[in-house]
Amino acid sequence: MGSICARKLVQVTSNVKHSLAIEILTAAAGLDQRLPLRPGSGVEAAHTLVRQVVPPLTDDRPLYEEIERVAAIIDSGALLDAVATRCGRIS
């Protein structure tokens, strides 16, 4: 049973990571629509990093590649590091 549980855990964490990536892409699009208003410094750091790997959504296109790119910056810790650099380490 342990190996099956481990495999399911890997699947669940992958699903959560991709769900978070979709939420982050949605939030980035929302921030783009709120310009010229500026978010807080941590959110701005996260948004800047996301926009470095994913261009703004201006027309219809498949988003699976963008989701994978954002999932990669979540997985690597780069997103958390960008926010921590601006705001301090999150405990």
PDB file of N, CA and C in Angstrom:
ATOM      1  N   MET A   1       0.804  -1.199   0.000  1.00  0.00           N
ATOM      2  CA  MET A   1       0.000   0.000   0.000  1.00  0.00           C
ATOM      3  C   MET A   1       0.857   1.278   0.000  1.00  0.00           C
ATOM      4  N   GLY A   2       2.059   1.178   0.564  1.00  0.00           N
ATOM      5  CA  GLY A   2       2.912   2.363   0.657  1.00  0.00           C
ATOM      6  C   GLY A   2       3.303   2.921  -0.694  1.00  0.00           C
ATOM      7  N   SER A   3       3.623   2.044  -1.644  1.00  0.00           N
ATOM      8  CA  SER A   3       4.044   2.529  -2.957  1.00  0.00           C
ATOM      9  C   SER A   3       2.884   3.187  -3.702  1.00  0.00           C
ATOM     10  N   ILE A   4       1.689   2.641  -3.524  1.00  0.00           N
ATOM     11  CA  ILE A   4       0.513   3.242  -4.165  1.00  0.00           C
ATOM     12  C   ILE A   4       0.239   4.609  -3.559  1.00  0.00           C
ATOM     13  N   CYS A   5       0.354   4.706  -2.241  1.00  0.00           N
ATOM     14  CA  CYS A   5       0.148   6.001  -1.578  1.00  0.00           C
ATOM     15  C   CYS A   5       1.188   7.021  -2.020  1.00  0.00           C
ATOM     16  N   ALA A   6       2.423   6.584  -2.157  1.00  0.00           N
ATOM     17  CA  ALA A   6       3.483   7.497  -2.597  1.00  0.00           C
ATOM     18  C   ALA A   6       3.200   8.005  -4.007  1.00  0.00           C
ATOM     19  N   ARG A   7       2.755   7.122  -4.874  1.00  0.00           N
ATOM     20  CA  ARG A   7       2.439   7.535  -6.244  1.00  0.00           C
ATOM     21  C   ARG A   7       1.272   8.519  -6.256  1.00  0.00           C
ATOM     22  N   LYS A   8       0.267   8.260  -5.414  1.00  0.00           N
ATOM     23  CA  LYS A   8      -0.865   9.192  -5.335  1.00  0.00           C
ATOM     24  C   LYS A   8      -0.431  10.546  -4.778  1.00  0.00           C
ATOM     25  N   LEU A   9       0.494  10.536  -3.809  1.00  0.00           N
ATOM     26  CA  LEU A   9       0.993  11.790  -3.259  1.00  0.00           C
ATOM     27  C   LEU A   9       1.683  12.621  -4.334  1.00  0.00           C
ATOM     28  N   VAL A  10       2.477  11.980  -5.175  1.00  0.00           N
ATOM     29  CA  VAL A  10       3.135  12.678  -6.280  1.00  0.00           C
ATOM     30  C   VAL A  10       2.091  13.290  -7.208  1.00  0.00           C
ATOM     31  N   GLN A  11       1.045  12.551  -7.517  1.00  0.00           N
ATOM     32  CA  GLN A  11      -0.028  13.050  -8.387  1.00  0.00           C
ATOM     33  C   GLN A  11      -0.749  14.237  -7.751  1.00  0.00           C
ATOM     34  N   VAL A  12      -1.043  14.129  -6.458  1.00  0.00           N
ATOM     35  CA  VAL A  12      -1.753  15.207  -5.760  1.00  0.00           C
ATOM     36  C   VAL A  12      -0.901  16.473  -5.722  1.00  0.00           C
ATOM     37  N   THR A  13       0.387  16.337  -5.407  1.00  0.00           N
ATOM     38  CA  THR A  13       1.232  17.531  -5.354  1.00  0.00           C
ATOM     39  C   THR A  13       1.384  18.164  -6.735  1.00  0.00           C
ATOM     40  N   SER A  14       1.434  17.355  -7.764  1.00  0.00           N
ATOM     41  CA  SER A  14       1.492  17.894  -9.131  1.00  0.00           C
ATOM     42  C   SER A  14       0.208  18.644  -9.461  1.00  0.00           C
ATOM     43  N   ASN A  15      -0.925  18.080  -9.091  1.00  0.00           N
ATOM     44  CA  ASN A  15      -2.210  18.742  -9.347  1.00  0.00           C
ATOM     45  C   ASN A  15      -2.314  20.064  -8.593  1.00  0.00           C
ATOM     46  N   VAL A  16      -1.865  20.077  -7.345  1.00  0.00           N
ATOM     47  CA  VAL A  16      -1.903  21.315  -6.554  1.00  0.00           C
ATOM     48  C   VAL A  16      -1.001  22.366  -7.177  1.00  0.00           C
ATOM     49  N   LYS A  17       0.212  21.974  -7.583  1.00  0.00           N
ATOM     50  CA  LYS A  17       1.152  22.908  -8.204  1.00  0.00           C
ATOM     51  C   LYS A  17       0.551  23.522  -9.469  1.00  0.00           C
ATOM     52  N   HIS A  18      -0.090  22.698 -10.290  1.00  0.00           N
ATOM     53  CA  HIS A  18      -0.683  23.213 -11.523  1.00  0.00           C
ATOM     54  C   HIS A  18      -1.918  24.078 -11.231  1.00  0.00           C
ATOM     55  N   SER A  19      -2.672  23.739 -10.204  1.00  0.00           N
ATOM     56  CA  SER A  19      -3.801  24.586  -9.800  1.00  0.00           C
ATOM     57  C   SER A  19      -3.312  25.941  -9.332  1.00  0.00           C
ATOM     58  N   LEU A  20      -2.234  25.955  -8.549  1.00  0.00           N
ATOM     59  CA  LEU A  20      -1.649  27.223  -8.113  1.00  0.00           C
ATOM     60  C   LEU A  20      -1.128  28.029  -9.298  1.00  0.00           C
ATOM     61  N   ALA A  21      -0.538  27.358 -10.269  1.00  0.00           N
ATOM     62  CA  ALA A  21      -0.045  28.054 -11.467  1.00  0.00           C
ATOM     63  C   ALA A  21      -1.192  28.738 -12.204  1.00  0.00           C
ATOM     64  N   ILE A  22      -2.327  28.053 -12.313  1.00  0.00           N
ATOM     65  CA  ILE A  22      -3.497  28.648 -12.975  1.00  0.00           C
ATOM     66  C   ILE A  22      -3.994  29.852 -12.180  1.00  0.00           C
ATOM     67  N   GLU A  23      -4.039  29.727 -10.851  1.00  0.00           N
ATOM     68  CA  GLU A  23      -4.468  30.853 -10.014  1.00  0.00           C
ATOM     69  C   GLU A  23      -3.518  32.041 -10.153  1.00  0.00           C
ATOM     70  N   ILE A  24      -2.227  31.764 -10.227  1.00  0.00           N
ATOM     71  CA  ILE A  24      -1.239  32.840 -10.374  1.00  0.00           C
ATOM     72  C   ILE A  24      -1.382  33.522 -11.726  1.00  0.00           C
ATOM     73  N   LEU A  25      -1.608  32.744 -12.776  1.00  0.00           N
ATOM     74  CA  LEU A  25      -1.845  33.348 -14.100  1.00  0.00           C
ATOM     75  C   LEU A  25      -3.099  34.219 -14.090  1.00  0.00           C
ATOM     76  N   THR A  26      -4.132  33.757 -13.415  1.00  0.00           N
ATOM     77  CA  THR A  26      -5.376  34.539 -13.316  1.00  0.00           C
ATOM     78  C   THR A  26      -5.135  35.831 -12.547  1.00  0.00           C
ATOM     79  N   ALA A  27      -4.394  35.734 -11.444  1.00  0.00           N
ATOM     80  CA  ALA A  27      -4.086  36.926 -10.652  1.00  0.00           C
ATOM     81  C   ALA A  27      -3.243  37.916 -11.452  1.00  0.00           C
ATOM     82  N   ALA A  28      -2.273  37.400 -12.225  1.00  0.00           N
ATOM     83  CA  ALA A  28      -1.438  38.281 -13.045  1.00  0.00           C
ATOM     84  C   ALA A  28      -2.281  39.014 -14.084  1.00  0.00           C
ATOM     85  N   ALA A  29      -3.232  38.308 -14.683  1.00  0.00           N
ATOM     86  CA  ALA A  29      -4.128  38.953 -15.651  1.00  0.00           C
ATOM     87  C   ALA A  29      -4.975  40.028 -14.968  1.00  0.00           C
ATOM     88  N   GLY A  30      -5.423  39.736 -13.762  1.00  0.00           N
ATOM     89  CA  GLY A  30      -6.194  40.732 -13.006  1.00  0.00           C
ATOM     90  C   GLY A  30      -5.369  41.966 -12.689  1.00  0.00           C
ATOM     91  N   LEU A  31      -4.111  41.767 -12.319  1.00  0.00           N
ATOM     92  CA  LEU A  31      -3.237  42.911 -12.047  1.00  0.00           C
ATOM     93  C   LEU A  31      -2.994  43.731 -13.308  1.00  0.00           C
ATOM     94  N   ASP A  32      -2.860  43.043 -14.446  1.00  0.00           N
ATOM     95  CA  ASP A  32      -2.678  43.755 -15.717  1.00  0.00           C
ATOM     96  C   ASP A  32      -3.880  44.647 -16.007  1.00  0.00           C
ATOM     97  N   GLN A  33      -5.059  44.170 -15.682  1.00  0.00           N
ATOM     98  CA  GLN A  33      -6.277  44.936 -15.953  1.00  0.00           C
ATOM     99  C   GLN A  33      -6.454  46.108 -14.998  1.00  0.00           C
ATOM    100  N   ARG A  34      -5.778  46.062 -13.845  1.00  0.00           N
ATOM    101  CA  ARG A  34      -5.922  47.131 -12.857  1.00  0.00           C
ATOM    102  C   ARG A  34      -4.920  48.267 -13.047  1.00  0.00           C
ATOM    103  N   LEU A  35      -4.029  48.137 -14.041  1.00  0.00           N
ATOM    104  CA  LEU A  35      -3.063  49.208 -14.275  1.00  0.00           C
ATOM    105  C   LEU A  35      -3.782  50.522 -14.514  1.00  0.00           C
ATOM    106  N   PRO A  36      -3.333  51.632 -14.052  1.00  0.00           N
ATOM    107  CA  PRO A  36      -2.025  51.952 -13.508  1.00  0.00           C
ATOM    108  C   PRO A  36      -1.906  51.731 -11.993  1.00  0.00           C
ATOM    109  N   LEU A  37      -2.930  51.189 -11.336  1.00  0.00           N
ATOM    110  CA  LEU A  37      -2.798  50.907  -9.913  1.00  0.00           C
ATOM    111  C   LEU A  37      -1.686  49.899  -9.691  1.00  0.00           C
ATOM    112  N   ARG A  38      -0.973  50.044  -8.573  1.00  0.00           N
ATOM    113  CA  ARG A  38       0.149  49.151  -8.284  1.00  0.00           C
ATOM    114  C   ARG A  38      -0.160  48.328  -7.049  1.00  0.00           C
ATOM    115  N   PRO A  39       0.217  47.049  -7.074  1.00  0.00           N
ATOM    116  CA  PRO A  39       0.016  46.199  -5.902  1.00  0.00           C
ATOM    117  C   PRO A  39       1.110  46.425  -4.866  1.00  0.00           C
ATOM    118  N   GLY A  40       1.031  45.685  -3.774  1.00  0.00           N
ATOM    119  CA  GLY A  40       2.082  45.714  -2.765  1.00  0.00           C
ATOM    120  C   GLY A  40       3.388  45.187  -3.336  1.00  0.00           C
ATOM    121  N   SER A  41       4.469  45.416  -2.608  1.00  0.00           N
ATOM    122  CA  SER A  41       5.787  45.086  -3.151  1.00  0.00           C
ATOM    123  C   SER A  41       5.983  43.590  -3.383  1.00  0.00           C
ATOM    124  N   GLY A  42       5.466  42.734  -2.517  1.00  0.00           N
ATOM    125  CA  GLY A  42       5.609  41.290  -2.718  1.00  0.00           C
ATOM    126  C   GLY A  42       4.830  40.798  -3.916  1.00  0.00           C
ATOM    127  N   VAL A  43       3.615  41.280  -4.049  1.00  0.00           N
ATOM    128  CA  VAL A  43       2.780  40.900  -5.197  1.00  0.00           C
ATOM    129  C   VAL A  43       3.402  41.433  -6.478  1.00  0.00           C
ATOM    130  N   GLU A  44       3.947  42.635  -6.412  1.00  0.00           N
ATOM    131  CA  GLU A  44       4.587  43.207  -7.596  1.00  0.00           C
ATOM    132  C   GLU A  44       5.812  42.374  -8.011  1.00  0.00           C
ATOM    133  N   ALA A  45       6.569  41.883  -7.042  1.00  0.00           N
ATOM    134  CA  ALA A  45       7.738  41.045  -7.351  1.00  0.00           C
ATOM    135  C   ALA A  45       7.297  39.742  -8.009  1.00  0.00           C
ATOM    136  N   ALA A  46       6.240  39.136  -7.477  1.00  0.00           N
ATOM    137  CA  ALA A  46       5.721  37.898  -8.065  1.00  0.00           C
ATOM    138  C   ALA A  46       5.203  38.160  -9.473  1.00  0.00           C
ATOM    139  N   HIS A  47       4.476  39.240  -9.653  1.00  0.00           N
ATOM    140  CA  HIS A  47       3.922  39.585 -10.969  1.00  0.00           C
ATOM    141  C   HIS A  47       5.036  39.825 -11.987  1.00  0.00           C
ATOM    142  N   THR A  48       6.079  40.519 -11.562  1.00  0.00           N
ATOM    143  CA  THR A  48       7.208  40.781 -12.458  1.00  0.00           C
ATOM    144  C   THR A  48       7.856  39.480 -12.913  1.00  0.00           C
ATOM    145  N   LEU A  49       8.053  38.558 -11.987  1.00  0.00           N
ATOM    146  CA  LEU A  49       8.655  37.273 -12.351  1.00  0.00           C
ATOM    147  C   LEU A  49       7.754  36.487 -13.293  1.00  0.00           C
ATOM    148  N   VAL A  50       6.468  36.472 -13.007  1.00  0.00           N
ATOM    149  CA  VAL A  50       5.527  35.759 -13.888  1.00  0.00           C
ATOM    150  C   VAL A  50       5.565  36.362 -15.285  1.00  0.00           C
ATOM    151  N   ARG A  51       5.606  37.665 -15.376  1.00  0.00           N
ATOM    152  CA  ARG A  51       5.625  38.316 -16.689  1.00  0.00           C
ATOM    153  C   ARG A  51       6.952  38.108 -17.412  1.00  0.00           C
ATOM    154  N   GLN A  52       7.998  37.740 -16.713  1.00  0.00           N
ATOM    155  CA  GLN A  52       9.248  37.405 -17.378  1.00  0.00           C
ATOM    156  C   GLN A  52       9.157  36.076 -18.114  1.00  0.00           C
ATOM    157  N   VAL A  53       8.291  35.181 -17.639  1.00  0.00           N
ATOM    158  CA  VAL A  53       8.184  33.857 -18.268  1.00  0.00           C
ATOM    159  C   VAL A  53       6.911  33.683 -19.081  1.00  0.00           C
ATOM    160  N   VAL A  54       5.924  34.572 -18.857  1.00  0.00           N
ATOM    161  CA  VAL A  54       4.636  34.458 -19.563  1.00  0.00           C
ATOM    162  C   VAL A  54       4.190  35.853 -19.999  1.00  0.00           C
ATOM    163  N   PRO A  55       3.957  36.067 -21.279  1.00  0.00           N
ATOM    164  CA  PRO A  55       3.474  37.382 -21.718  1.00  0.00           C
ATOM    165  C   PRO A  55       2.013  37.579 -21.314  1.00  0.00           C
ATOM    166  N   PRO A  56       1.568  38.832 -21.258  1.00  0.00           N
ATOM    167  CA  PRO A  56       0.156  39.090 -20.942  1.00  0.00           C
ATOM    168  C   PRO A  56      -0.767  38.425 -21.964  1.00  0.00           C
ATOM    169  N   LEU A  57      -1.925  38.061 -21.515  1.00  0.00           N
ATOM    170  CA  LEU A  57      -2.918  37.421 -22.379  1.00  0.00           C
ATOM    171  C   LEU A  57      -3.689  38.512 -23.118  1.00  0.00           C
ATOM    172  N   THR A  58      -3.395  38.658 -24.410  1.00  0.00           N
ATOM    173  CA  THR A  58      -4.064  39.682 -25.209  1.00  0.00           C
ATOM    174  C   THR A  58      -4.990  39.090 -26.256  1.00  0.00           C
ATOM    175  N   ASP A  59      -4.838  37.799 -26.515  1.00  0.00           N
ATOM    176  CA  ASP A  59      -5.720  37.127 -27.471  1.00  0.00           C
ATOM    177  C   ASP A  59      -5.862  35.667 -27.052  1.00  0.00           C
ATOM    178  N   ASP A  60      -6.768  34.955 -27.715  1.00  0.00           N
ATOM    179  CA  ASP A  60      -6.963  33.546 -27.392  1.00  0.00           C
ATOM    180  C   ASP A  60      -5.749  32.729 -27.802  1.00  0.00           C
ATOM    181  N   ARG A  61      -5.340  31.844 -26.918  1.00  0.00           N
ATOM    182  CA  ARG A  61      -4.252  30.910 -27.199  1.00  0.00           C
ATOM    183  C   ARG A  61      -4.313  29.789 -26.172  1.00  0.00           C
ATOM    184  N   PRO A  62      -3.754  28.658 -26.516  1.00  0.00           N
ATOM    185  CA  PRO A  62      -3.683  27.580 -25.522  1.00  0.00           C
ATOM    186  C   PRO A  62      -2.745  27.984 -24.390  1.00  0.00           C
ATOM    187  N   LEU A  63      -3.113  27.681 -23.180  1.00  0.00           N
ATOM    188  CA  LEU A  63      -2.341  28.144 -22.033  1.00  0.00           C
ATOM    189  C   LEU A  63      -1.518  27.051 -21.361  1.00  0.00           C
ATOM    190  N   TYR A  64      -1.517  25.844 -21.903  1.00  0.00           N
ATOM    191  CA  TYR A  64      -0.831  24.752 -21.220  1.00  0.00           C
ATOM    192  C   TYR A  64       0.664  25.009 -21.081  1.00  0.00           C
ATOM    193  N   GLU A  65       1.283  25.654 -22.065  1.00  0.00           N
ATOM    194  CA  GLU A  65       2.716  25.940 -21.950  1.00  0.00           C
ATOM    195  C   GLU A  65       2.983  26.991 -20.875  1.00  0.00           C
ATOM    196  N   GLU A  66       2.123  28.001 -20.792  1.00  0.00           N
ATOM    197  CA  GLU A  66       2.272  29.027 -19.760  1.00  0.00           C
ATOM    198  C   GLU A  66       2.068  28.428 -18.374  1.00  0.00           C
ATOM    199  N   ILE A  67       1.080  27.543 -18.245  1.00  0.00           N
ATOM    200  CA  ILE A  67       0.842  26.877 -16.960  1.00  0.00           C
ATOM    201  C   ILE A  67       2.078  26.097 -16.543  1.00  0.00           C
ATOM    202  N   GLU A  68       2.692  25.402 -17.483  1.00  0.00           N
ATOM    203  CA  GLU A  68       3.907  24.634 -17.184  1.00  0.00           C
ATOM    204  C   GLU A  68       5.061  25.545 -16.773  1.00  0.00           C
ATOM    205  N   ARG A  69       5.193  26.707 -17.415  1.00  0.00           N
ATOM    206  CA  ARG A  69       6.272  27.635 -17.070  1.00  0.00           C
ATOM    207  C   ARG A  69       6.095  28.196 -15.664  1.00  0.00           C
ATOM    208  N   VAL A  70       4.852  28.553 -15.331  1.00  0.00           N
ATOM    209  CA  VAL A  70       4.598  29.066 -13.983  1.00  0.00           C
ATOM    210  C   VAL A  70       4.768  27.945 -12.956  1.00  0.00           C
ATOM    211  N   ALA A  71       4.322  26.738 -13.283  1.00  0.00           N
ATOM    212  CA  ALA A  71       4.527  25.599 -12.377  1.00  0.00           C
ATOM    213  C   ALA A  71       6.023  25.373 -12.141  1.00  0.00           C
ATOM    214  N   ALA A  72       6.830  25.604 -13.154  1.00  0.00           N
ATOM    215  CA  ALA A  72       8.282  25.421 -13.014  1.00  0.00           C
ATOM    216  C   ALA A  72       8.888  26.450 -12.063  1.00  0.00           C
ATOM    217  N   ILE A  73       8.418  27.704 -12.105  1.00  0.00           N
ATOM    218  CA  ILE A  73       8.977  28.697 -11.175  1.00  0.00           C
ATOM    219  C   ILE A  73       8.463  28.474  -9.755  1.00  0.00           C
ATOM    220  N   ILE A  74       7.287  27.868  -9.634  1.00  0.00           N
ATOM    221  CA  ILE A  74       6.821  27.461  -8.303  1.00  0.00           C
ATOM    222  C   ILE A  74       7.707  26.335  -7.791  1.00  0.00           C
ATOM    223  N   ASP A  75       7.914  25.334  -8.627  1.00  0.00           N
ATOM    224  CA  ASP A  75       8.670  24.144  -8.246  1.00  0.00           C
ATOM    225  C   ASP A  75      10.119  24.464  -7.918  1.00  0.00           C
ATOM    226  N   SER A  76      10.714  25.388  -8.643  1.00  0.00           N
ATOM    227  CA  SER A  76      12.122  25.727  -8.424  1.00  0.00           C
ATOM    228  C   SER A  76      12.330  26.605  -7.193  1.00  0.00           C
ATOM    229  N   GLY A  77      11.257  27.224  -6.708  1.00  0.00           N
ATOM    230  CA  GLY A  77      11.380  28.144  -5.583  1.00  0.00           C
ATOM    231  C   GLY A  77      11.657  29.568  -6.008  1.00  0.00           C
ATOM    232  N   ALA A  78      11.747  29.811  -7.306  1.00  0.00           N
ATOM    233  CA  ALA A  78      12.075  31.152  -7.805  1.00  0.00           C
ATOM    234  C   ALA A  78      10.992  32.168  -7.443  1.00  0.00           C
ATOM    235  N   LEU A  79       9.737  31.753  -7.462  1.00  0.00           N
ATOM    236  CA  LEU A  79       8.645  32.676  -7.141  1.00  0.00           C
ATOM    237  C   LEU A  79       8.746  33.115  -5.680  1.00  0.00           C
ATOM    238  N   LEU A  80       8.943  32.162  -4.794  1.00  0.00           N
ATOM    239  CA  LEU A  80       9.089  32.483  -3.377  1.00  0.00           C
ATOM    240  C   LEU A  80      10.339  33.328  -3.136  1.00  0.00           C
ATOM    241  N   ASP A  81      11.426  33.022  -3.822  1.00  0.00           N
ATOM    242  CA  ASP A  81      12.662  33.798  -3.679  1.00  0.00           C
ATOM    243  C   ASP A  81      12.476  35.245  -4.143  1.00  0.00           C
ATOM    244  N   ALA A  82      11.731  35.443  -5.229  1.00  0.00           N
ATOM    245  CA  ALA A  82      11.493  36.802  -5.733  1.00  0.00           C
ATOM    246  C   ALA A  82      10.730  37.629  -4.709  1.00  0.00           C
ATOM    247  N   VAL A  83       9.736  37.026  -4.090  1.00  0.00           N
ATOM    248  CA  VAL A  83       8.951  37.730  -3.075  1.00  0.00           C
ATOM    249  C   VAL A  83       9.813  37.969  -1.830  1.00  0.00           C
ATOM    250  N   ALA A  84      10.575  36.949  -1.427  1.00  0.00           N
ATOM    251  CA  ALA A  84      11.414  37.077  -0.227  1.00  0.00           C
ATOM    252  C   ALA A  84      12.494  38.138  -0.412  1.00  0.00           C
ATOM    253  N   THR A  85      13.017  38.268  -1.621  1.00  0.00           N
ATOM    254  CA  THR A  85      14.030  39.299  -1.894  1.00  0.00           C
ATOM    255  C   THR A  85      13.444  40.680  -1.685  1.00  0.00           C
ATOM    256  N   ARG A  86      12.199  40.857  -2.062  1.00  0.00           N
ATOM    257  CA  ARG A  86      11.557  42.161  -1.947  1.00  0.00           C
ATOM    258  C   ARG A  86      11.031  42.424  -0.528  1.00  0.00           C
ATOM    259  N   CYS A  87      10.496  41.382   0.114  1.00  0.00           N
ATOM    260  CA  CYS A  87       9.769  41.590   1.383  1.00  0.00           C
ATOM    261  C   CYS A  87      10.431  40.961   2.597  1.00  0.00           C
ATOM    262  N   GLY A  88      11.414  40.125   2.389  1.00  0.00           N
ATOM    263  CA  GLY A  88      11.984  39.363   3.490  1.00  0.00           C
ATOM    264  C   GLY A  88      11.467  37.940   3.453  1.00  0.00           C
ATOM    265  N   ARG A  89      12.222  37.049   4.080  1.00  0.00           N
ATOM    266  CA  ARG A  89      11.897  35.624   4.075  1.00  0.00           C
ATOM    267  C   ARG A  89      10.550  35.380   4.742  1.00  0.00           C
ATOM    268  N   ILE A  90       9.747  34.527   4.118  1.00  0.00           N
ATOM    269  CA  ILE A  90       8.456  34.119   4.656  1.00  0.00           C
ATOM    270  C   ILE A  90       8.682  32.860   5.481  1.00  0.00           C
ATOM    271  N   SER A  91       8.266  32.880   6.730  1.00  0.00           N
ATOM    272  CA  SER A  91       8.499  31.723   7.603  1.00  0.00           C
ATOM    273  C   SER A  91       7.459  30.652   7.412  1.00  0.00           C
TER     274      SER A  91
END
